[in-house]
């Protein structure tokens, strides 16, 4: 039986910045210098801080973790250019991989980040850059058009979106969102509320959130999703059994459509990498190391 190491106080290198070909600056952090490289893509209304519970389970002598803030999030640039579609993000991810001279990278994406990882894989395949991505790990990934979560839908409204972000108390808004994505109420801790509150601050953050929400039109993606049947790289799908944002049948469908994929279901909500960090890390490491 494969078992993960206990979490450690793994240090993380100071943040760095990569300037993409279109001038957008992406901020990222690096942990470890091991031979296996993973690049983590966070979800909507989050940043690289979403991986704080997960990253200590990856020993620095065996793994090298890249933790970027996507465009419009965290310490990365938030230009008012209207280019916040998943495809736009995916192009920047490939630019980052090339700029850092990474190859055979394990691309780990959660929620919207999972959708971006799927687009990045397709774009790499179609442009002859398959060497950049060696494996996919999709955690409760946004892979199919669906009814938008309530908070997401509010941000798409012409007036309501701006009012919500500028007038509602920040901690109340963050608490509401975390209570919706976590399965266990006790997981909504003051530490996590404070951590995610930082994702809603900074110049142009409101613009980036609203632009992202408005460009994720379910109707527009019904005919332009990647062809999951063409994915040939090893793929792990991790899903929270009690996910109310992207429900489990979507994960099971994705598992059926990606040839040879592996599906792991955890007793969690939309964020199993936080609610069940040890189990999520065990699944990822077993997948990479050929166990079970």
C-alpha atoms as a PDB file:
ATOM      1  CA  UNK A   1       0.000   0.000   0.000  1.00  0.00           C
ATOM      2  CA  UNK A   2       1.368   3.403  -0.974  1.00  0.00           C
ATOM      3  CA  UNK A   3       1.376   5.977   1.811  1.00  0.00           C
ATOM      4  CA  UNK A   4       2.379   9.594   1.714  1.00  0.00           C
ATOM      5  CA  UNK A   5       4.951  11.120   4.006  1.00  0.00           C
ATOM      6  CA  UNK A   6       3.711  13.243   6.861  1.00  0.00           C
ATOM      7  CA  UNK A   7       3.469  16.944   6.093  1.00  0.00           C
ATOM      8  CA  UNK A   8       6.576  18.913   6.861  1.00  0.00           C
ATOM      9  CA  UNK A   9       7.433  22.571   7.248  1.00  0.00           C
ATOM     10  CA  UNK A  10       8.667  22.644   3.657  1.00  0.00           C
ATOM     11  CA  UNK A  11      10.085  26.037   2.808  1.00  0.00           C
ATOM     12  CA  UNK A  12       9.164  27.854  -0.349  1.00  0.00           C
ATOM     13  CA  UNK A  13      11.424  30.076  -2.394  1.00  0.00           C
ATOM     14  CA  UNK A  14      10.718  33.767  -2.696  1.00  0.00           C
ATOM     15  CA  UNK A  15       8.321  34.746  -5.462  1.00  0.00           C
ATOM     16  CA  UNK A  16       9.542  35.334  -8.999  1.00  0.00           C
ATOM     17  CA  UNK A  17       8.020  36.913 -12.087  1.00  0.00           C
ATOM     18  CA  UNK A  18       7.833  35.676 -15.662  1.00  0.00           C
ATOM     19  CA  UNK A  19       6.989  38.131 -18.440  1.00  0.00           C
ATOM     20  CA  UNK A  20       4.983  36.423 -21.174  1.00  0.00           C
ATOM     21  CA  UNK A  21       5.268  37.169 -24.876  1.00  0.00           C
ATOM     22  CA  UNK A  22       2.284  39.530 -24.729  1.00  0.00           C
ATOM     23  CA  UNK A  23       3.816  41.474 -21.835  1.00  0.00           C
ATOM     24  CA  UNK A  24       1.646  39.989 -19.069  1.00  0.00           C
ATOM     25  CA  UNK A  25       3.647  39.314 -15.917  1.00  0.00           C
ATOM     26  CA  UNK A  26       2.883  36.128 -14.010  1.00  0.00           C
ATOM     27  CA  UNK A  27       4.023  35.797 -10.421  1.00  0.00           C
ATOM     28  CA  UNK A  28       5.020  32.348  -9.199  1.00  0.00           C
ATOM     29  CA  UNK A  29       6.663  30.617  -6.248  1.00  0.00           C
ATOM     30  CA  UNK A  30       8.907  27.565  -6.292  1.00  0.00           C
ATOM     31  CA  UNK A  31       9.250  24.804  -3.717  1.00  0.00           C
ATOM     32  CA  UNK A  32      11.896  22.104  -3.789  1.00  0.00           C
ATOM     33  CA  UNK A  33      14.485  21.061  -6.361  1.00  0.00           C
ATOM     34  CA  UNK A  34      13.608  17.415  -6.944  1.00  0.00           C
ATOM     35  CA  UNK A  35      13.543  15.653 -10.330  1.00  0.00           C
ATOM     36  CA  UNK A  36       9.729  15.586 -10.714  1.00  0.00           C
ATOM     37  CA  UNK A  37       8.155  18.907 -11.705  1.00  0.00           C
ATOM     38  CA  UNK A  38       4.563  19.904 -10.974  1.00  0.00           C
ATOM     39  CA  UNK A  39       2.851  23.157 -11.905  1.00  0.00           C
ATOM     40  CA  UNK A  40      -0.342  23.997 -10.006  1.00  0.00           C
ATOM     41  CA  UNK A  41      -3.229  26.036 -11.461  1.00  0.00           C
ATOM     42  CA  UNK A  42      -5.709  27.450  -8.966  1.00  0.00           C
ATOM     43  CA  UNK A  43      -9.410  28.084  -9.473  1.00  0.00           C
ATOM     44  CA  UNK A  44     -11.635  31.142  -9.752  1.00  0.00           C
ATOM     45  CA  UNK A  45     -11.487  33.822  -7.029  1.00  0.00           C
ATOM     46  CA  UNK A  46      -8.354  32.201  -5.605  1.00  0.00           C
ATOM     47  CA  UNK A  47      -4.590  32.311  -6.011  1.00  0.00           C
ATOM     48  CA  UNK A  48      -1.616  30.047  -5.360  1.00  0.00           C
ATOM     49  CA  UNK A  49      -2.454  30.183  -1.625  1.00  0.00           C
ATOM     50  CA  UNK A  50      -5.112  27.523  -2.275  1.00  0.00           C
ATOM     51  CA  UNK A  51      -2.303  24.922  -2.272  1.00  0.00           C
ATOM     52  CA  UNK A  52      -1.018  25.680   1.245  1.00  0.00           C
ATOM     53  CA  UNK A  53      -2.413  22.455   2.757  1.00  0.00           C
ATOM     54  CA  UNK A  54      -1.264  20.277  -0.126  1.00  0.00           C
ATOM     55  CA  UNK A  55       2.284  21.398  -0.826  1.00  0.00           C
ATOM     56  CA  UNK A  56       3.894  20.139   2.436  1.00  0.00           C
ATOM     57  CA  UNK A  57       3.207  16.549   1.309  1.00  0.00           C
ATOM     58  CA  UNK A  58       5.719  16.843  -1.547  1.00  0.00           C
ATOM     59  CA  UNK A  59       9.290  16.398  -0.205  1.00  0.00           C
ATOM     60  CA  UNK A  60      11.633  19.004  -1.737  1.00  0.00           C
ATOM     61  CA  UNK A  61      14.297  16.420  -2.579  1.00  0.00           C
ATOM     62  CA  UNK A  62      11.837  14.501  -4.779  1.00  0.00           C
ATOM     63  CA  UNK A  63       9.605  17.192  -6.230  1.00  0.00           C
ATOM     64  CA  UNK A  64       9.821  20.693  -7.597  1.00  0.00           C
ATOM     65  CA  UNK A  65       6.566  22.625  -7.299  1.00  0.00           C
ATOM     66  CA  UNK A  66       5.728  25.726  -9.331  1.00  0.00           C
ATOM     67  CA  UNK A  67       2.866  27.714  -7.837  1.00  0.00           C
ATOM     68  CA  UNK A  68       1.822  30.559 -10.150  1.00  0.00           C
ATOM     69  CA  UNK A  69      -0.903  33.132  -9.693  1.00  0.00           C
ATOM     70  CA  UNK A  70      -2.979  33.153 -12.850  1.00  0.00           C
ATOM     71  CA  UNK A  71      -3.426  36.393 -14.739  1.00  0.00           C
ATOM     72  CA  UNK A  72      -5.799  38.607 -12.769  1.00  0.00           C
ATOM     73  CA  UNK A  73      -5.101  36.840  -9.466  1.00  0.00           C
ATOM     74  CA  UNK A  74      -2.719  37.154  -6.548  1.00  0.00           C
ATOM     75  CA  UNK A  75       0.432  39.100  -7.375  1.00  0.00           C
ATOM     76  CA  UNK A  76       0.193  38.562 -11.143  1.00  0.00           C
ATOM     77  CA  UNK A  77      -0.726  41.338 -13.561  1.00  0.00           C
ATOM     78  CA  UNK A  78      -4.386  42.319 -13.907  1.00  0.00           C
ATOM     79  CA  UNK A  79      -4.546  44.224 -17.196  1.00  0.00           C
ATOM     80  CA  UNK A  80      -7.864  45.650 -18.359  1.00  0.00           C
ATOM     81  CA  UNK A  81      -7.553  43.917 -21.723  1.00  0.00           C
ATOM     82  CA  UNK A  82     -10.632  41.709 -21.640  1.00  0.00           C
ATOM     83  CA  UNK A  83      -8.603  38.549 -22.327  1.00  0.00           C
ATOM     84  CA  UNK A  84      -9.693  36.293 -19.457  1.00  0.00           C
ATOM     85  CA  UNK A  85     -11.100  33.256 -21.268  1.00  0.00           C
ATOM     86  CA  UNK A  86      -9.774  29.802 -20.307  1.00  0.00           C
ATOM     87  CA  UNK A  87      -7.990  29.726 -23.668  1.00  0.00           C
ATOM     88  CA  UNK A  88      -6.250  33.029 -22.848  1.00  0.00           C
ATOM     89  CA  UNK A  89      -5.040  31.624 -19.539  1.00  0.00           C
ATOM     90  CA  UNK A  90      -3.941  28.368 -21.198  1.00  0.00           C
ATOM     91  CA  UNK A  91      -1.779  30.259 -23.697  1.00  0.00           C
ATOM     92  CA  UNK A  92      -0.042  32.041 -20.811  1.00  0.00           C
ATOM     93  CA  UNK A  93       0.514  28.733 -18.998  1.00  0.00           C
ATOM     94  CA  UNK A  94       2.287  27.309 -22.057  1.00  0.00           C
ATOM     95  CA  UNK A  95       4.316  30.520 -22.314  1.00  0.00           C
ATOM     96  CA  UNK A  96       5.321  30.099 -18.664  1.00  0.00           C
ATOM     97  CA  UNK A  97       6.341  26.457 -19.189  1.00  0.00           C
ATOM     98  CA  UNK A  98       8.458  27.394 -22.195  1.00  0.00           C
ATOM     99  CA  UNK A  99       9.950  30.437 -20.486  1.00  0.00           C
ATOM    100  CA  UNK A 100      11.021  28.358 -17.492  1.00  0.00           C
ATOM    101  CA  UNK A 101      12.314  25.644 -19.837  1.00  0.00           C
ATOM    102  CA  UNK A 102      10.149  22.981 -18.238  1.00  0.00           C
ATOM    103  CA  UNK A 103       9.177  19.738 -19.927  1.00  0.00           C
ATOM    104  CA  UNK A 104       7.217  16.606 -19.012  1.00  0.00           C
ATOM    105  CA  UNK A 105       5.553  18.730 -16.366  1.00  0.00           C
ATOM    106  CA  UNK A 106       2.724  17.346 -14.254  1.00  0.00           C
ATOM    107  CA  UNK A 107       0.010  19.964 -14.755  1.00  0.00           C
ATOM    108  CA  UNK A 108      -2.319  20.082 -11.735  1.00  0.00           C
ATOM    109  CA  UNK A 109      -5.494  22.139 -12.095  1.00  0.00           C
ATOM    110  CA  UNK A 110      -8.385  22.758  -9.704  1.00  0.00           C
ATOM    111  CA  UNK A 111     -11.853  23.875 -10.839  1.00  0.00           C
ATOM    112  CA  UNK A 112     -11.323  26.635 -13.432  1.00  0.00           C
ATOM    113  CA  UNK A 113      -7.617  25.772 -13.281  1.00  0.00           C
ATOM    114  CA  UNK A 114      -8.538  22.245 -14.336  1.00  0.00           C
ATOM    115  CA  UNK A 115     -10.376  23.612 -17.358  1.00  0.00           C
ATOM    116  CA  UNK A 116      -7.345  25.741 -18.187  1.00  0.00           C
ATOM    117  CA  UNK A 117      -5.115  22.657 -17.902  1.00  0.00           C
ATOM    118  CA  UNK A 118      -7.348  20.813 -20.380  1.00  0.00           C
ATOM    119  CA  UNK A 119      -7.144  23.678 -22.863  1.00  0.00           C
ATOM    120  CA  UNK A 120      -3.375  23.909 -22.352  1.00  0.00           C
ATOM    121  CA  UNK A 121      -3.035  20.218 -23.126  1.00  0.00           C
ATOM    122  CA  UNK A 122      -5.015  20.570 -26.328  1.00  0.00           C
ATOM    123  CA  UNK A 123      -3.115  23.680 -27.425  1.00  0.00           C
ATOM    124  CA  UNK A 124       0.227  21.986 -26.722  1.00  0.00           C
ATOM    125  CA  UNK A 125      -0.807  18.945 -28.744  1.00  0.00           C
ATOM    126  CA  UNK A 126      -2.056  20.981 -31.708  1.00  0.00           C
ATOM    127  CA  UNK A 127       1.043  23.218 -31.793  1.00  0.00           C
ATOM    128  CA  UNK A 128       3.613  20.427 -31.555  1.00  0.00           C
ATOM    129  CA  UNK A 129       4.600  21.248 -27.970  1.00  0.00           C
ATOM    130  CA  UNK A 130       3.538  17.951 -26.380  1.00  0.00           C
ATOM    131  CA  UNK A 131       6.872  17.701 -24.576  1.00  0.00           C
ATOM    132  CA  UNK A 132       5.831  20.500 -22.200  1.00  0.00           C
ATOM    133  CA  UNK A 133       3.153  18.472 -20.402  1.00  0.00           C
ATOM    134  CA  UNK A 134       3.805  14.909 -19.279  1.00  0.00           C
ATOM    135  CA  UNK A 135       0.735  14.247 -17.113  1.00  0.00           C
ATOM    136  CA  UNK A 136      -2.546  15.860 -16.081  1.00  0.00           C
ATOM    137  CA  UNK A 137      -4.104  15.970 -12.619  1.00  0.00           C
ATOM    138  CA  UNK A 138      -7.635  17.378 -12.699  1.00  0.00           C
ATOM    139  CA  UNK A 139      -9.230  18.250  -9.351  1.00  0.00           C
ATOM    140  CA  UNK A 140     -12.980  18.947  -9.594  1.00  0.00           C
ATOM    141  CA  UNK A 141     -12.234  20.436 -12.990  1.00  0.00           C
ATOM    142  CA  UNK A 142     -14.496  22.770 -14.958  1.00  0.00           C
ATOM    143  CA  UNK A 143     -14.732  20.545 -18.026  1.00  0.00           C
ATOM    144  CA  UNK A 144     -18.320  20.974 -19.276  1.00  0.00           C
ATOM    145  CA  UNK A 145     -20.874  23.785 -19.656  1.00  0.00           C
ATOM    146  CA  UNK A 146     -23.199  23.891 -16.676  1.00  0.00           C
ATOM    147  CA  UNK A 147     -25.392  26.180 -14.645  1.00  0.00           C
ATOM    148  CA  UNK A 148     -23.133  28.769 -13.046  1.00  0.00           C
ATOM    149  CA  UNK A 149     -22.773  28.940  -9.241  1.00  0.00           C
ATOM    150  CA  UNK A 150     -24.771  31.763  -7.659  1.00  0.00           C
ATOM    151  CA  UNK A 151     -21.763  33.962  -6.823  1.00  0.00           C
ATOM    152  CA  UNK A 152     -20.451  33.504 -10.355  1.00  0.00           C
ATOM    153  CA  UNK A 153     -23.834  34.392 -11.828  1.00  0.00           C
ATOM    154  CA  UNK A 154     -24.070  37.557  -9.724  1.00  0.00           C
ATOM    155  CA  UNK A 155     -20.697  38.783 -10.992  1.00  0.00           C
ATOM    156  CA  UNK A 156     -21.942  38.458 -14.566  1.00  0.00           C
ATOM    157  CA  UNK A 157     -24.756  40.960 -13.959  1.00  0.00           C
ATOM    158  CA  UNK A 158     -23.986  44.462 -15.321  1.00  0.00           C
ATOM    159  CA  UNK A 159     -24.447  46.320 -12.016  1.00  0.00           C
ATOM    160  CA  UNK A 160     -24.695  43.657  -9.332  1.00  0.00           C
ATOM    161  CA  UNK A 161     -21.197  42.282  -9.959  1.00  0.00           C
ATOM    162  CA  UNK A 162     -19.459  45.540  -9.180  1.00  0.00           C
ATOM    163  CA  UNK A 163     -21.712  46.279  -6.192  1.00  0.00           C
ATOM    164  CA  UNK A 164     -21.041  42.874  -4.634  1.00  0.00           C
ATOM    165  CA  UNK A 165     -17.269  43.287  -4.786  1.00  0.00           C
ATOM    166  CA  UNK A 166     -17.215  46.898  -3.632  1.00  0.00           C
ATOM    167  CA  UNK A 167     -19.997  47.074  -1.045  1.00  0.00           C
ATOM    168  CA  UNK A 168     -20.254  43.688   0.677  1.00  0.00           C
ATOM    169  CA  UNK A 169     -17.999  43.163   3.723  1.00  0.00           C
ATOM    170  CA  UNK A 170     -15.023  41.157   2.490  1.00  0.00           C
ATOM    171  CA  UNK A 171     -14.952  38.568   5.261  1.00  0.00           C
ATOM    172  CA  UNK A 172     -18.681  37.941   4.913  1.00  0.00           C
ATOM    173  CA  UNK A 173     -18.313  37.363   1.170  1.00  0.00           C
ATOM    174  CA  UNK A 174     -15.355  35.013   1.632  1.00  0.00           C
ATOM    175  CA  UNK A 175     -17.110  33.075   4.403  1.00  0.00           C
ATOM    176  CA  UNK A 176     -20.191  32.638   2.204  1.00  0.00           C
ATOM    177  CA  UNK A 177     -18.110  31.224  -0.650  1.00  0.00           C
ATOM    178  CA  UNK A 178     -16.104  28.863   1.544  1.00  0.00           C
ATOM    179  CA  UNK A 179     -19.259  27.547   3.210  1.00  0.00           C
ATOM    180  CA  UNK A 180     -20.562  26.740  -0.251  1.00  0.00           C
ATOM    181  CA  UNK A 181     -17.455  24.907  -1.495  1.00  0.00           C
ATOM    182  CA  UNK A 182     -16.476  22.951   1.642  1.00  0.00           C
ATOM    183  CA  UNK A 183     -18.456  19.897   2.696  1.00  0.00           C
ATOM    184  CA  UNK A 184     -17.614  20.092   6.400  1.00  0.00           C
ATOM    185  CA  UNK A 185     -18.604  23.357   8.136  1.00  0.00           C
ATOM    186  CA  UNK A 186     -15.629  23.062  10.476  1.00  0.00           C
ATOM    187  CA  UNK A 187     -13.313  23.492   7.486  1.00  0.00           C
ATOM    188  CA  UNK A 188     -14.311  27.168   7.248  1.00  0.00           C
ATOM    189  CA  UNK A 189     -11.674  28.385   9.683  1.00  0.00           C
ATOM    190  CA  UNK A 190     -10.633  31.927  10.466  1.00  0.00           C
ATOM    191  CA  UNK A 191      -7.203  31.155   9.011  1.00  0.00           C
ATOM    192  CA  UNK A 192      -8.716  30.154   5.680  1.00  0.00           C
ATOM    193  CA  UNK A 193     -11.051  33.126   5.621  1.00  0.00           C
ATOM    194  CA  UNK A 194      -8.065  35.418   6.150  1.00  0.00           C
ATOM    195  CA  UNK A 195      -6.049  33.588   3.479  1.00  0.00           C
ATOM    196  CA  UNK A 196      -8.753  33.831   0.821  1.00  0.00           C
ATOM    197  CA  UNK A 197      -9.614  37.396   1.729  1.00  0.00           C
ATOM    198  CA  UNK A 198      -6.272  38.350   0.217  1.00  0.00           C
ATOM    199  CA  UNK A 199      -7.516  37.038  -3.138  1.00  0.00           C
ATOM    200  CA  UNK A 200     -10.067  39.859  -3.339  1.00  0.00           C
ATOM    201  CA  UNK A 201      -7.708  42.773  -2.798  1.00  0.00           C
ATOM    202  CA  UNK A 202      -5.429  44.754  -5.076  1.00  0.00           C
ATOM    203  CA  UNK A 203      -5.857  47.138  -7.966  1.00  0.00           C
ATOM    204  CA  UNK A 204      -7.986  45.818 -10.855  1.00  0.00           C
ATOM    205  CA  UNK A 205      -8.859  42.609  -8.978  1.00  0.00           C
ATOM    206  CA  UNK A 206     -12.575  43.377  -9.209  1.00  0.00           C
ATOM    207  CA  UNK A 207     -12.229  44.007 -12.946  1.00  0.00           C
ATOM    208  CA  UNK A 208     -10.412  40.694 -13.469  1.00  0.00           C
ATOM    209  CA  UNK A 209     -12.985  38.702 -11.487  1.00  0.00           C
ATOM    210  CA  UNK A 210     -15.914  40.243 -13.346  1.00  0.00           C
ATOM    211  CA  UNK A 211     -14.214  39.868 -16.735  1.00  0.00           C
ATOM    212  CA  UNK A 212     -13.498  36.194 -16.042  1.00  0.00           C
ATOM    213  CA  UNK A 213     -17.081  35.528 -14.922  1.00  0.00           C
ATOM    214  CA  UNK A 214     -18.555  37.262 -17.965  1.00  0.00           C
ATOM    215  CA  UNK A 215     -16.330  35.432 -20.434  1.00  0.00           C
ATOM    216  CA  UNK A 216     -17.259  32.009 -19.049  1.00  0.00           C
ATOM    217  CA  UNK A 217     -20.522  31.768 -20.964  1.00  0.00           C
ATOM    218  CA  UNK A 218     -21.742  28.138 -20.847  1.00  0.00           C
ATOM    219  CA  UNK A 219     -23.542  28.521 -24.177  1.00  0.00           C
ATOM    220  CA  UNK A 220     -20.350  29.706 -25.888  1.00  0.00           C
ATOM    221  CA  UNK A 221     -18.411  26.603 -24.834  1.00  0.00           C
ATOM    222  CA  UNK A 222     -20.880  23.955 -25.957  1.00  0.00           C
ATOM    223  CA  UNK A 223     -19.114  23.643 -29.292  1.00  0.00           C
ATOM    224  CA  UNK A 224     -15.540  24.658 -28.510  1.00  0.00           C
ATOM    225  CA  UNK A 225     -14.440  22.370 -25.708  1.00  0.00           C
ATOM    226  CA  UNK A 226     -11.276  20.292 -26.162  1.00  0.00           C
ATOM    227  CA  UNK A 227     -11.791  16.780 -27.534  1.00  0.00           C
ATOM    228  CA  UNK A 228     -11.122  14.773 -24.399  1.00  0.00           C
ATOM    229  CA  UNK A 229     -11.041  11.548 -26.398  1.00  0.00           C
ATOM    230  CA  UNK A 230      -7.765  12.695 -27.979  1.00  0.00           C
ATOM    231  CA  UNK A 231      -5.912  13.041 -24.672  1.00  0.00           C
ATOM    232  CA  UNK A 232      -3.107  10.482 -24.699  1.00  0.00           C
ATOM    233  CA  UNK A 233      -1.030  11.558 -21.699  1.00  0.00           C
ATOM    234  CA  UNK A 234      -1.663   9.855 -18.327  1.00  0.00           C
ATOM    235  CA  UNK A 235      -4.491  11.624 -16.507  1.00  0.00           C
ATOM    236  CA  UNK A 236      -5.649  11.488 -12.895  1.00  0.00           C
ATOM    237  CA  UNK A 237      -9.072  12.852 -11.953  1.00  0.00           C
ATOM    238  CA  UNK A 238      -9.692  13.672  -8.286  1.00  0.00           C
ATOM    239  CA  UNK A 239     -13.208  14.627  -7.204  1.00  0.00           C
ATOM    240  CA  UNK A 240     -15.050  15.530  -4.036  1.00  0.00           C
ATOM    241  CA  UNK A 241     -18.017  13.217  -3.546  1.00  0.00           C
ATOM    242  CA  UNK A 242     -20.075  16.064  -2.078  1.00  0.00           C
ATOM    243  CA  UNK A 243     -19.084  18.793  -4.560  1.00  0.00           C
ATOM    244  CA  UNK A 244     -22.018  21.185  -4.987  1.00  0.00           C
ATOM    245  CA  UNK A 245     -20.223  23.481  -7.443  1.00  0.00           C
ATOM    246  CA  UNK A 246     -19.274  20.879 -10.091  1.00  0.00           C
ATOM    247  CA  UNK A 247     -21.044  17.693  -9.169  1.00  0.00           C
ATOM    248  CA  UNK A 248     -19.542  14.229  -9.255  1.00  0.00           C
ATOM    249  CA  UNK A 249     -21.320  13.066 -12.459  1.00  0.00           C
ATOM    250  CA  UNK A 250     -19.168  15.573 -14.362  1.00  0.00           C
ATOM    251  CA  UNK A 251     -16.034  13.907 -12.998  1.00  0.00           C
ATOM    252  CA  UNK A 252     -17.355  10.461 -13.861  1.00  0.00           C
ATOM    253  CA  UNK A 253     -18.149  11.631 -17.398  1.00  0.00           C
ATOM    254  CA  UNK A 254     -14.672  13.094 -17.764  1.00  0.00           C
ATOM    255  CA  UNK A 255     -13.220   9.768 -16.592  1.00  0.00           C
ATOM    256  CA  UNK A 256     -15.198   7.916 -19.265  1.00  0.00           C
ATOM    257  CA  UNK A 257     -14.142  10.293 -22.024  1.00  0.00           C
ATOM    258  CA  UNK A 258     -10.384  10.507 -21.301  1.00  0.00           C
ATOM    259  CA  UNK A 259      -8.843   7.193 -22.418  1.00  0.00           C
ATOM    260  CA  UNK A 260      -7.061   5.323 -19.641  1.00  0.00           C
ATOM    261  CA  UNK A 261      -7.737   7.994 -17.009  1.00  0.00           C
ATOM    262  CA  UNK A 262      -7.866   7.179 -13.313  1.00  0.00           C
ATOM    263  CA  UNK A 263     -10.644   8.491 -11.037  1.00  0.00           C
ATOM    264  CA  UNK A 264     -10.227   8.966  -7.276  1.00  0.00           C
ATOM    265  CA  UNK A 265     -13.260  10.098  -5.255  1.00  0.00           C
ATOM    266  CA  UNK A 266     -12.678  11.679  -1.854  1.00  0.00           C
ATOM    267  CA  UNK A 267     -15.100  12.452   0.965  1.00  0.00           C
ATOM    268  CA  UNK A 268     -15.009  16.205   0.429  1.00  0.00           C
ATOM    269  CA  UNK A 269     -16.675  19.119  -1.294  1.00  0.00           C
ATOM    270  CA  UNK A 270     -15.312  21.213  -4.159  1.00  0.00           C
ATOM    271  CA  UNK A 271     -11.828  21.604  -2.610  1.00  0.00           C
ATOM    272  CA  UNK A 272     -10.564  18.107  -1.747  1.00  0.00           C
ATOM    273  CA  UNK A 273      -6.969  19.390  -1.913  1.00  0.00           C
ATOM    274  CA  UNK A 274      -7.775  21.380   1.232  1.00  0.00           C
ATOM    275  CA  UNK A 275     -10.427  19.300   2.991  1.00  0.00           C
ATOM    276  CA  UNK A 276      -8.571  16.010   2.423  1.00  0.00           C
ATOM    277  CA  UNK A 277      -5.060  17.222   1.667  1.00  0.00           C
ATOM    278  CA  UNK A 278      -3.266  14.040   2.791  1.00  0.00           C
ATOM    279  CA  UNK A 279      -5.536  11.762   0.736  1.00  0.00           C
ATOM    280  CA  UNK A 280      -5.322  14.057  -2.283  1.00  0.00           C
ATOM    281  CA  UNK A 281      -1.519  14.127  -2.064  1.00  0.00           C
ATOM    282  CA  UNK A 282      -1.432  10.332  -1.715  1.00  0.00           C
ATOM    283  CA  UNK A 283      -3.506   9.957  -4.887  1.00  0.00           C
ATOM    284  CA  UNK A 284      -1.298  12.364  -6.848  1.00  0.00           C
ATOM    285  CA  UNK A 285       1.972  10.822  -5.717  1.00  0.00           C
ATOM    286  CA  UNK A 286       0.738   7.268  -6.290  1.00  0.00           C
ATOM    287  CA  UNK A 287      -0.308   8.310  -9.793  1.00  0.00           C
ATOM    288  CA  UNK A 288       3.126   9.764 -10.520  1.00  0.00           C
ATOM    289  CA  UNK A 289       5.070   6.924  -8.962  1.00  0.00           C
ATOM    290  CA  UNK A 290       3.113   4.109 -10.604  1.00  0.00           C
ATOM    291  CA  UNK A 291       1.295   2.691  -7.584  1.00  0.00           C
ATOM    292  CA  UNK A 292      -2.276   1.460  -7.321  1.00  0.00           C
END
